[in-house]
Amino acid sequence: MAVINDIGIIIVTYNPDLKDFQKNIFRLIDLKRRILIVDNGSNAKCVTYLKRLSIIQDNIDCIFLRQNKGIGFAQNIGINFFKSKGVNYLFFLDQDSYIDLSNLEKLKEILISLNNKNKKIIMIGPAQDYDNLSKSIEETSLLISSGSLVLKNAFDKIGNFKEEFFIDYIDYEWVWRAQRQGYKVFKTNKVKMQHQTKGVPRLHGHTIDPIFRLYYIYRNSMYLILYEKIGVKEKTRLFIRNLGKLIFQINLPQSNKRIKVCFRGIYDGARKKLNI
């Protein structure tokens, strides 16, 4: 396969549903770009599959971590991997997401156009279902990493992801850090992609977070509110969002355990304890 050497695709895996992942990865192979899969200590069955995949497919490389180091750590490995390659852009994907060729090309075209007008524009991603854009392309302070296309050299200027966060708010923190340095990030509803191909559990339209995730959500957001130089608007949004999420836990099974985990995260975030 002839690989187009303009975009490096970074996917982090951790015990994915292999049937679902296989469908997604073969869609991505059709993009004819170089793909790096960083596996975060998955089980033996997953590792065996990924090793076989990297042998069969010329445009796939795999790096295997012995234990789960968190998504930020794994994404940083991907960023560093591509720094020595000829690509100009990095495209980030979760293990349960995919995009087709026309939408990836459209995302690239939009970023090139924006960057030609303003060199400080360094990142773009598709709008989510919950976004209410006033224009088809607009600046944002909230963009998740999965589905985002970033100029590779932006990481030389802004730095890599904050891997101490492990998971949750890693992408938002990077965007806010970039904006503090004068860079701009955009969203567009001209591009469509699929997140969470198997869906996530919801109740009354609200996501039911796994209990372990609640710890990182509250720890990292508390740290951001107290110690990071982000805007009052973002801090207020974080506080209100997490207050609502905390109240929502009362309606769920194991509510006492859920609420305790939330408060443990708040406590550790306030103490700057980011090594868990």
C-alpha atoms as a PDB file:
ATOM      1  CA  MET A   1       0.000   0.000   0.000  1.00  0.00           C
ATOM      2  CA  ALA A   2       1.258   3.476  -0.914  1.00  0.00           C
ATOM      3  CA  VAL A   3       1.101   5.566   2.255  1.00  0.00           C
ATOM      4  CA  ILE A   4       0.463   9.311   2.109  1.00  0.00           C
ATOM      5  CA  ASN A   5       2.985  10.879   4.467  1.00  0.00           C
ATOM      6  CA  ASP A   6       1.108  13.996   5.582  1.00  0.00           C
ATOM      7  CA  ILE A   7      -0.894  12.873   8.648  1.00  0.00           C
ATOM      8  CA  GLY A   8       0.190  10.583  11.466  1.00  0.00           C
ATOM      9  CA  ILE A   9      -2.706   8.850  13.216  1.00  0.00           C
ATOM     10  CA  ILE A  10      -2.344   8.081  16.936  1.00  0.00           C
ATOM     11  CA  ILE A  11      -4.649   5.562  18.616  1.00  0.00           C
ATOM     12  CA  VAL A  12      -4.397   4.532  22.267  1.00  0.00           C
ATOM     13  CA  THR A  13      -5.805   1.116  23.159  1.00  0.00           C
ATOM     14  CA  TYR A  14      -6.647  -0.546  26.438  1.00  0.00           C
ATOM     15  CA  ASN A  15      -8.520  -3.858  26.270  1.00  0.00           C
ATOM     16  CA  PRO A  16     -10.777  -2.776  23.410  1.00  0.00           C
ATOM     17  CA  ASP A  17     -13.725  -4.831  22.246  1.00  0.00           C
ATOM     18  CA  LEU A  18     -11.790  -6.588  19.484  1.00  0.00           C
ATOM     19  CA  LYS A  19     -14.789  -7.175  17.232  1.00  0.00           C
ATOM     20  CA  ASP A  20     -15.673  -3.499  17.352  1.00  0.00           C
ATOM     21  CA  PHE A  21     -12.041  -2.375  17.122  1.00  0.00           C
ATOM     22  CA  GLN A  22     -11.395  -4.555  14.084  1.00  0.00           C
ATOM     23  CA  LYS A  23     -14.201  -2.837  12.179  1.00  0.00           C
ATOM     24  CA  ASN A  24     -12.815   0.558  13.079  1.00  0.00           C
ATOM     25  CA  ILE A  25      -9.172  -0.181  12.306  1.00  0.00           C
ATOM     26  CA  PHE A  26      -9.897  -1.518   8.827  1.00  0.00           C
ATOM     27  CA  ARG A  27     -11.835   1.660   8.064  1.00  0.00           C
ATOM     28  CA  LEU A  28      -8.767   3.597   9.179  1.00  0.00           C
ATOM     29  CA  ILE A  29      -6.378   1.477   7.112  1.00  0.00           C
ATOM     30  CA  ASP A  30      -8.306   2.672   4.060  1.00  0.00           C
ATOM     31  CA  LEU A  31      -7.184   6.227   4.870  1.00  0.00           C
ATOM     32  CA  LYS A  32      -3.714   5.225   3.585  1.00  0.00           C
ATOM     33  CA  ARG A  33      -1.944   7.080   6.377  1.00  0.00           C
ATOM     34  CA  ARG A  34       0.626   5.866   8.856  1.00  0.00           C
ATOM     35  CA  ILE A  35      -1.043   4.663  12.043  1.00  0.00           C
ATOM     36  CA  LEU A  36       0.605   4.246  15.420  1.00  0.00           C
ATOM     37  CA  ILE A  37      -1.223   2.206  18.041  1.00  0.00           C
ATOM     38  CA  VAL A  38       0.052   2.691  21.586  1.00  0.00           C
ATOM     39  CA  ASP A  39      -1.292  -0.113  23.737  1.00  0.00           C
ATOM     40  CA  ASN A  40      -1.666   0.705  27.412  1.00  0.00           C
ATOM     41  CA  GLY A  41      -1.083  -2.734  28.935  1.00  0.00           C
ATOM     42  CA  SER A  42      -3.960  -4.670  27.395  1.00  0.00           C
ATOM     43  CA  ASN A  43      -4.611  -8.368  27.922  1.00  0.00           C
ATOM     44  CA  ALA A  44      -2.702 -11.065  26.025  1.00  0.00           C
ATOM     45  CA  LYS A  45      -5.475 -11.616  23.476  1.00  0.00           C
ATOM     46  CA  CYS A  46      -5.461  -7.948  22.489  1.00  0.00           C
ATOM     47  CA  VAL A  47      -1.665  -7.768  22.344  1.00  0.00           C
ATOM     48  CA  THR A  48      -1.512 -10.850  20.118  1.00  0.00           C
ATOM     49  CA  TYR A  49      -4.084  -9.338  17.755  1.00  0.00           C
ATOM     50  CA  LEU A  50      -2.230  -6.015  17.548  1.00  0.00           C
ATOM     51  CA  LYS A  51       1.121  -7.690  16.916  1.00  0.00           C
ATOM     52  CA  ARG A  52      -0.392  -9.721  14.095  1.00  0.00           C
ATOM     53  CA  LEU A  53      -2.057  -6.593  12.698  1.00  0.00           C
ATOM     54  CA  SER A  54       1.230  -4.668  12.615  1.00  0.00           C
ATOM     55  CA  ILE A  55       2.883  -7.511  10.713  1.00  0.00           C
ATOM     56  CA  ILE A  56       0.104  -7.778   8.134  1.00  0.00           C
ATOM     57  CA  GLN A  57      -0.417  -4.041   7.597  1.00  0.00           C
ATOM     58  CA  ASP A  58       2.567  -2.023   6.373  1.00  0.00           C
ATOM     59  CA  ASN A  59       1.151   1.303   7.547  1.00  0.00           C
ATOM     60  CA  ILE A  60       0.573   0.227  11.186  1.00  0.00           C
ATOM     61  CA  ASP A  61       3.153   0.381  13.965  1.00  0.00           C
ATOM     62  CA  CYS A  62       2.496  -0.711  17.550  1.00  0.00           C
ATOM     63  CA  ILE A  63       4.171   0.245  20.807  1.00  0.00           C
ATOM     64  CA  PHE A  64       3.294  -1.881  23.826  1.00  0.00           C
ATOM     65  CA  LEU A  65       3.380  -0.603  27.395  1.00  0.00           C
ATOM     66  CA  ARG A  66       3.583  -3.143  30.190  1.00  0.00           C
ATOM     67  CA  GLN A  67       0.951  -1.374  32.266  1.00  0.00           C
ATOM     68  CA  ASN A  68      -1.733   1.249  31.891  1.00  0.00           C
ATOM     69  CA  LYS A  69       0.092   4.567  32.112  1.00  0.00           C
ATOM     70  CA  GLY A  70      -2.905   6.680  31.175  1.00  0.00           C
ATOM     71  CA  ILE A  71      -4.029   8.193  27.899  1.00  0.00           C
ATOM     72  CA  GLY A  72      -1.832  11.292  28.172  1.00  0.00           C
ATOM     73  CA  PHE A  73       1.337   9.245  28.635  1.00  0.00           C
ATOM     74  CA  ALA A  74       0.437   7.023  25.676  1.00  0.00           C
ATOM     75  CA  GLN A  75      -0.487   9.964  23.439  1.00  0.00           C
ATOM     76  CA  ASN A  76       2.834  11.622  24.269  1.00  0.00           C
ATOM     77  CA  ILE A  77       4.634   8.490  23.117  1.00  0.00           C
ATOM     78  CA  GLY A  78       2.744   8.827  19.846  1.00  0.00           C
ATOM     79  CA  ILE A  79       3.637  12.501  19.521  1.00  0.00           C
ATOM     80  CA  ASN A  80       7.321  11.775  20.124  1.00  0.00           C
ATOM     81  CA  PHE A  81       7.224   8.869  17.655  1.00  0.00           C
ATOM     82  CA  PHE A  82       5.998  11.113  14.849  1.00  0.00           C
ATOM     83  CA  LYS A  83       8.344  14.006  15.657  1.00  0.00           C
ATOM     84  CA  SER A  84      11.075  12.253  13.686  1.00  0.00           C
ATOM     85  CA  LYS A  85       8.748  11.361  10.820  1.00  0.00           C
ATOM     86  CA  GLY A  86       7.873  13.482   7.821  1.00  0.00           C
ATOM     87  CA  VAL A  87       4.241  14.145   8.720  1.00  0.00           C
ATOM     88  CA  ASN A  88       2.948  17.679   9.231  1.00  0.00           C
ATOM     89  CA  TYR A  89      -0.218  16.831  11.161  1.00  0.00           C
ATOM     90  CA  LEU A  90      -1.235  14.519  13.982  1.00  0.00           C
ATOM     91  CA  PHE A  91      -4.712  13.020  14.134  1.00  0.00           C
ATOM     92  CA  PHE A  92      -5.884  11.566  17.445  1.00  0.00           C
ATOM     93  CA  LEU A  93      -8.476   8.826  17.826  1.00  0.00           C
ATOM     94  CA  ASP A  94      -9.942   6.808  20.664  1.00  0.00           C
ATOM     95  CA  GLN A  95     -10.067   3.046  20.230  1.00  0.00           C
ATOM     96  CA  ASP A  96     -13.838   3.169  19.723  1.00  0.00           C
ATOM     97  CA  SER A  97     -13.865   5.919  17.083  1.00  0.00           C
ATOM     98  CA  TYR A  98     -13.359   6.171  13.350  1.00  0.00           C
ATOM     99  CA  ILE A  99     -13.485   8.636  10.476  1.00  0.00           C
ATOM    100  CA  ASP A 100     -13.752   8.115   6.727  1.00  0.00           C
ATOM    101  CA  LEU A 101     -11.372   9.435   4.085  1.00  0.00           C
ATOM    102  CA  SER A 102     -13.551  12.279   2.809  1.00  0.00           C
ATOM    103  CA  ASN A 103     -14.059  13.690   6.307  1.00  0.00           C
ATOM    104  CA  LEU A 104     -10.365  13.441   7.189  1.00  0.00           C
ATOM    105  CA  GLU A 105      -9.444  15.236   3.966  1.00  0.00           C
ATOM    106  CA  LYS A 106     -12.067  17.889   4.686  1.00  0.00           C
ATOM    107  CA  LEU A 107     -10.680  18.402   8.192  1.00  0.00           C
ATOM    108  CA  LYS A 108      -7.196  18.854   6.752  1.00  0.00           C
ATOM    109  CA  GLU A 109      -8.409  21.295   4.084  1.00  0.00           C
ATOM    110  CA  ILE A 110     -10.174  23.434   6.670  1.00  0.00           C
ATOM    111  CA  LEU A 111      -7.125  23.540   8.962  1.00  0.00           C
ATOM    112  CA  ILE A 112      -4.827  24.467   6.063  1.00  0.00           C
ATOM    113  CA  SER A 113      -7.192  27.251   5.026  1.00  0.00           C
ATOM    114  CA  LEU A 114      -7.472  28.618   8.564  1.00  0.00           C
ATOM    115  CA  ASN A 115      -3.726  28.384   9.202  1.00  0.00           C
ATOM    116  CA  ASN A 116      -2.937  30.194   5.938  1.00  0.00           C
ATOM    117  CA  LYS A 117      -5.042  33.107   7.201  1.00  0.00           C
ATOM    118  CA  ASN A 118      -3.683  32.990  10.760  1.00  0.00           C
ATOM    119  CA  LYS A 119      -0.580  30.994  11.737  1.00  0.00           C
ATOM    120  CA  LYS A 120      -1.801  30.883  15.340  1.00  0.00           C
ATOM    121  CA  ILE A 121      -4.606  28.485  14.371  1.00  0.00           C
ATOM    122  CA  ILE A 122      -3.144  25.070  15.105  1.00  0.00           C
ATOM    123  CA  MET A 123      -5.966  22.623  15.810  1.00  0.00           C
ATOM    124  CA  ILE A 124      -9.429  21.678  14.574  1.00  0.00           C
ATOM    125  CA  GLY A 125     -11.931  18.953  15.343  1.00  0.00           C
ATOM    126  CA  PRO A 126     -15.495  17.977  14.521  1.00  0.00           C
ATOM    127  CA  ALA A 127     -18.351  19.410  16.546  1.00  0.00           C
ATOM    128  CA  GLN A 128     -20.079  16.964  18.879  1.00  0.00           C
ATOM    129  CA  ASP A 129     -23.796  16.216  19.018  1.00  0.00           C
ATOM    130  CA  TYR A 130     -24.174  18.470  22.054  1.00  0.00           C
ATOM    131  CA  ASP A 131     -22.446  21.455  20.382  1.00  0.00           C
ATOM    132  CA  ASN A 132     -24.563  24.340  19.157  1.00  0.00           C
ATOM    133  CA  LEU A 133     -22.360  26.192  16.716  1.00  0.00           C
ATOM    134  CA  SER A 134     -23.507  29.570  15.424  1.00  0.00           C
ATOM    135  CA  LYS A 135     -21.301  29.108  12.349  1.00  0.00           C
ATOM    136  CA  SER A 136     -20.095  26.056  10.457  1.00  0.00           C
ATOM    137  CA  ILE A 137     -16.529  26.770  11.618  1.00  0.00           C
ATOM    138  CA  GLU A 138     -15.873  28.646  14.837  1.00  0.00           C
ATOM    139  CA  GLU A 139     -13.280  29.133  17.523  1.00  0.00           C
ATOM    140  CA  THR A 140     -13.670  27.095  20.706  1.00  0.00           C
ATOM    141  CA  SER A 141     -12.074  26.561  24.100  1.00  0.00           C
ATOM    142  CA  LEU A 142     -13.524  23.046  24.431  1.00  0.00           C
ATOM    143  CA  LEU A 143     -12.261  20.360  22.071  1.00  0.00           C
ATOM    144  CA  ILE A 144     -11.711  16.696  22.823  1.00  0.00           C
ATOM    145  CA  SER A 145      -8.612  15.031  21.435  1.00  0.00           C
ATOM    146  CA  SER A 146     -10.404  12.177  19.668  1.00  0.00           C
ATOM    147  CA  GLY A 147     -11.090  13.359  16.139  1.00  0.00           C
ATOM    148  CA  SER A 148      -8.818  16.381  16.398  1.00  0.00           C
ATOM    149  CA  LEU A 149      -6.206  17.311  13.810  1.00  0.00           C
ATOM    150  CA  VAL A 150      -3.202  19.260  15.117  1.00  0.00           C
ATOM    151  CA  LEU A 151      -0.176  20.805  13.475  1.00  0.00           C
ATOM    152  CA  LYS A 152       2.700  18.596  14.609  1.00  0.00           C
ATOM    153  CA  ASN A 153       5.055  21.476  15.332  1.00  0.00           C
ATOM    154  CA  ALA A 154       2.497  22.966  17.751  1.00  0.00           C
ATOM    155  CA  PHE A 155       3.662  20.466  20.360  1.00  0.00           C
ATOM    156  CA  ASP A 156       7.212  21.852  20.109  1.00  0.00           C
ATOM    157  CA  LYS A 157       5.867  25.270  21.094  1.00  0.00           C
ATOM    158  CA  ILE A 158       3.118  24.382  23.579  1.00  0.00           C
ATOM    159  CA  GLY A 159       4.464  21.138  25.012  1.00  0.00           C
ATOM    160  CA  ASN A 160       2.977  17.661  25.136  1.00  0.00           C
ATOM    161  CA  PHE A 161      -0.123  16.542  27.002  1.00  0.00           C
ATOM    162  CA  LYS A 162      -0.194  16.685  30.813  1.00  0.00           C
ATOM    163  CA  GLU A 163       0.256  12.969  31.419  1.00  0.00           C
ATOM    164  CA  GLU A 164      -0.060  13.309  35.223  1.00  0.00           C
ATOM    165  CA  PHE A 165      -3.819  13.676  34.681  1.00  0.00           C
ATOM    166  CA  PHE A 166      -3.901  10.020  33.508  1.00  0.00           C
ATOM    167  CA  ILE A 167      -7.361  10.458  31.929  1.00  0.00           C
ATOM    168  CA  ASP A 168     -10.025  13.204  31.757  1.00  0.00           C
ATOM    169  CA  TYR A 169      -9.453  16.885  30.988  1.00  0.00           C
ATOM    170  CA  ILE A 170      -6.102  16.134  29.338  1.00  0.00           C
ATOM    171  CA  ASP A 171      -7.295  17.544  26.016  1.00  0.00           C
ATOM    172  CA  TYR A 172      -9.045  20.558  27.560  1.00  0.00           C
ATOM    173  CA  GLU A 173      -5.956  21.439  29.605  1.00  0.00           C
ATOM    174  CA  TRP A 174      -3.792  21.380  26.465  1.00  0.00           C
ATOM    175  CA  VAL A 175      -6.236  23.587  24.569  1.00  0.00           C
ATOM    176  CA  TRP A 176      -6.374  26.113  27.427  1.00  0.00           C
ATOM    177  CA  ARG A 177      -2.575  26.085  27.675  1.00  0.00           C
ATOM    178  CA  ALA A 178      -2.341  26.727  23.929  1.00  0.00           C
ATOM    179  CA  GLN A 179      -4.788  29.607  24.153  1.00  0.00           C
ATOM    180  CA  ARG A 180      -2.816  31.202  26.991  1.00  0.00           C
ATOM    181  CA  GLN A 181       0.126  31.298  24.574  1.00  0.00           C
ATOM    182  CA  GLY A 182      -1.973  33.003  21.903  1.00  0.00           C
ATOM    183  CA  TYR A 183      -2.896  29.985  19.781  1.00  0.00           C
ATOM    184  CA  LYS A 184      -6.380  29.271  18.476  1.00  0.00           C
ATOM    185  CA  VAL A 185      -8.471  26.113  18.245  1.00  0.00           C
ATOM    186  CA  PHE A 186     -11.542  25.587  16.073  1.00  0.00           C
ATOM    187  CA  LYS A 187     -14.545  23.279  15.722  1.00  0.00           C
ATOM    188  CA  THR A 188     -16.518  22.527  12.604  1.00  0.00           C
ATOM    189  CA  ASN A 189     -19.833  20.853  11.839  1.00  0.00           C
ATOM    190  CA  LYS A 190     -18.725  20.266   8.252  1.00  0.00           C
ATOM    191  CA  VAL A 191     -16.957  17.076   9.347  1.00  0.00           C
ATOM    192  CA  LYS A 192     -18.630  13.973  10.746  1.00  0.00           C
ATOM    193  CA  MET A 193     -17.066  11.126  12.654  1.00  0.00           C
ATOM    194  CA  GLN A 194     -18.234   8.365  14.937  1.00  0.00           C
ATOM    195  CA  HIS A 195     -17.351   8.224  18.635  1.00  0.00           C
ATOM    196  CA  GLN A 196     -18.197   5.359  20.974  1.00  0.00           C
ATOM    197  CA  THR A 197     -19.261   2.930  18.260  1.00  0.00           C
ATOM    198  CA  LYS A 198     -20.847   0.631  20.858  1.00  0.00           C
ATOM    199  CA  GLY A 199     -22.446   3.504  22.751  1.00  0.00           C
ATOM    200  CA  VAL A 200     -22.186   4.595  26.381  1.00  0.00           C
ATOM    201  CA  PRO A 201     -24.710   3.960  29.178  1.00  0.00           C
ATOM    202  CA  ARG A 202     -26.988   6.916  29.850  1.00  0.00           C
ATOM    203  CA  LEU A 203     -29.821   7.823  32.184  1.00  0.00           C
ATOM    204  CA  HIS A 204     -32.183  10.673  31.300  1.00  0.00           C
ATOM    205  CA  GLY A 205     -29.668  11.788  28.682  1.00  0.00           C
ATOM    206  CA  HIS A 206     -26.737  11.945  31.130  1.00  0.00           C
ATOM    207  CA  THR A 207     -23.626   9.782  30.824  1.00  0.00           C
ATOM    208  CA  ILE A 208     -23.171   7.168  33.545  1.00  0.00           C
ATOM    209  CA  ASP A 209     -19.446   7.394  34.228  1.00  0.00           C
ATOM    210  CA  PRO A 210     -17.565   4.314  35.431  1.00  0.00           C
ATOM    211  CA  ILE A 211     -16.760   4.714  39.113  1.00  0.00           C
ATOM    212  CA  PHE A 212     -12.981   4.803  38.555  1.00  0.00           C
ATOM    213  CA  ARG A 213     -13.407   7.682  36.077  1.00  0.00           C
ATOM    214  CA  LEU A 214     -15.197   9.806  38.653  1.00  0.00           C
ATOM    215  CA  TYR A 215     -12.003  10.031  40.678  1.00  0.00           C
ATOM    216  CA  TYR A 216     -10.021  11.502  37.777  1.00  0.00           C
ATOM    217  CA  ILE A 217     -12.862  13.780  36.661  1.00  0.00           C
ATOM    218  CA  TYR A 218     -13.063  15.412  40.083  1.00  0.00           C
ATOM    219  CA  ARG A 219      -9.353  15.334  40.902  1.00  0.00           C
ATOM    220  CA  ASN A 220      -8.278  16.900  37.630  1.00  0.00           C
ATOM    221  CA  SER A 221     -11.047  19.475  37.501  1.00  0.00           C
ATOM    222  CA  MET A 222     -10.330  20.576  41.081  1.00  0.00           C
ATOM    223  CA  TYR A 223      -6.650  20.928  40.216  1.00  0.00           C
ATOM    224  CA  LEU A 224      -7.539  22.996  37.139  1.00  0.00           C
ATOM    225  CA  ILE A 225      -9.889  25.260  39.099  1.00  0.00           C
ATOM    226  CA  LEU A 226      -7.407  25.902  41.908  1.00  0.00           C
ATOM    227  CA  TYR A 227      -4.011  25.946  40.232  1.00  0.00           C
ATOM    228  CA  GLU A 228      -4.175  26.438  36.473  1.00  0.00           C
ATOM    229  CA  LYS A 229      -4.379  29.876  34.845  1.00  0.00           C
ATOM    230  CA  ILE A 230      -7.598  29.273  32.962  1.00  0.00           C
ATOM    231  CA  GLY A 231     -10.398  31.762  32.442  1.00  0.00           C
ATOM    232  CA  VAL A 232     -13.162  32.454  34.939  1.00  0.00           C
ATOM    233  CA  LYS A 233     -15.656  31.217  32.345  1.00  0.00           C
ATOM    234  CA  GLU A 234     -13.947  27.827  32.123  1.00  0.00           C
ATOM    235  CA  LYS A 235     -13.586  27.530  35.902  1.00  0.00           C
ATOM    236  CA  THR A 236     -17.251  28.391  36.404  1.00  0.00           C
ATOM    237  CA  ARG A 237     -18.280  25.889  33.740  1.00  0.00           C
ATOM    238  CA  LEU A 238     -16.199  23.179  35.405  1.00  0.00           C
ATOM    239  CA  PHE A 239     -17.686  23.915  38.826  1.00  0.00           C
ATOM    240  CA  ILE A 240     -21.302  23.916  37.620  1.00  0.00           C
ATOM    241  CA  ARG A 241     -20.830  20.823  35.465  1.00  0.00           C
ATOM    242  CA  ASN A 242     -19.281  18.825  38.258  1.00  0.00           C
ATOM    243  CA  LEU A 243     -21.824  19.966  40.820  1.00  0.00           C
ATOM    244  CA  GLY A 244     -24.564  18.666  38.535  1.00  0.00           C
ATOM    245  CA  LYS A 245     -22.653  15.445  37.948  1.00  0.00           C
ATOM    246  CA  LEU A 246     -22.241  14.976  41.719  1.00  0.00           C
ATOM    247  CA  ILE A 247     -25.987  15.370  42.309  1.00  0.00           C
ATOM    248  CA  PHE A 248     -26.675  12.949  39.453  1.00  0.00           C
ATOM    249  CA  GLN A 249     -24.702  10.197  41.245  1.00  0.00           C
ATOM    250  CA  ILE A 250     -27.449  10.034  43.891  1.00  0.00           C
ATOM    251  CA  ASN A 251     -29.773   8.483  41.317  1.00  0.00           C
ATOM    252  CA  LEU A 252     -27.388   5.677  40.379  1.00  0.00           C
ATOM    253  CA  PRO A 253     -26.597   2.251  41.848  1.00  0.00           C
ATOM    254  CA  GLN A 254     -23.723   2.309  44.365  1.00  0.00           C
ATOM    255  CA  SER A 255     -24.437   6.005  44.905  1.00  0.00           C
ATOM    256  CA  ASN A 256     -22.587   6.118  48.240  1.00  0.00           C
ATOM    257  CA  LYS A 257     -19.444   4.647  46.706  1.00  0.00           C
ATOM    258  CA  ARG A 258     -19.711   6.988  43.729  1.00  0.00           C
ATOM    259  CA  ILE A 259     -20.008  10.082  45.893  1.00  0.00           C
ATOM    260  CA  LYS A 260     -17.091   8.993  48.105  1.00  0.00           C
ATOM    261  CA  VAL A 261     -14.903   8.566  45.004  1.00  0.00           C
ATOM    262  CA  CYS A 262     -15.881  12.057  43.824  1.00  0.00           C
ATOM    263  CA  PHE A 263     -14.884  13.624  47.142  1.00  0.00           C
ATOM    264  CA  ARG A 264     -11.626  11.670  47.226  1.00  0.00           C
ATOM    265  CA  GLY A 265     -10.832  13.121  43.817  1.00  0.00           C
ATOM    266  CA  ILE A 266     -11.660  16.639  45.029  1.00  0.00           C
ATOM    267  CA  TYR A 267      -9.436  16.149  48.088  1.00  0.00           C
ATOM    268  CA  ASP A 268      -6.471  14.856  46.074  1.00  0.00           C
ATOM    269  CA  GLY A 269      -6.863  17.586  43.441  1.00  0.00           C
ATOM    270  CA  ALA A 270      -6.794  20.252  46.153  1.00  0.00           C
ATOM    271  CA  ARG A 271      -3.578  18.658  47.511  1.00  0.00           C
ATOM    272  CA  LYS A 272      -2.010  18.550  44.014  1.00  0.00           C
ATOM    273  CA  LYS A 273      -1.809  14.755  44.313  1.00  0.00           C
ATOM    274  CA  LEU A 274      -1.532  13.767  40.666  1.00  0.00           C
ATOM    275  CA  ASN A 275       0.586  10.634  40.932  1.00  0.00           C
ATOM    276  CA  ILE A 276      -2.265   8.078  41.062  1.00  0.00           C
END
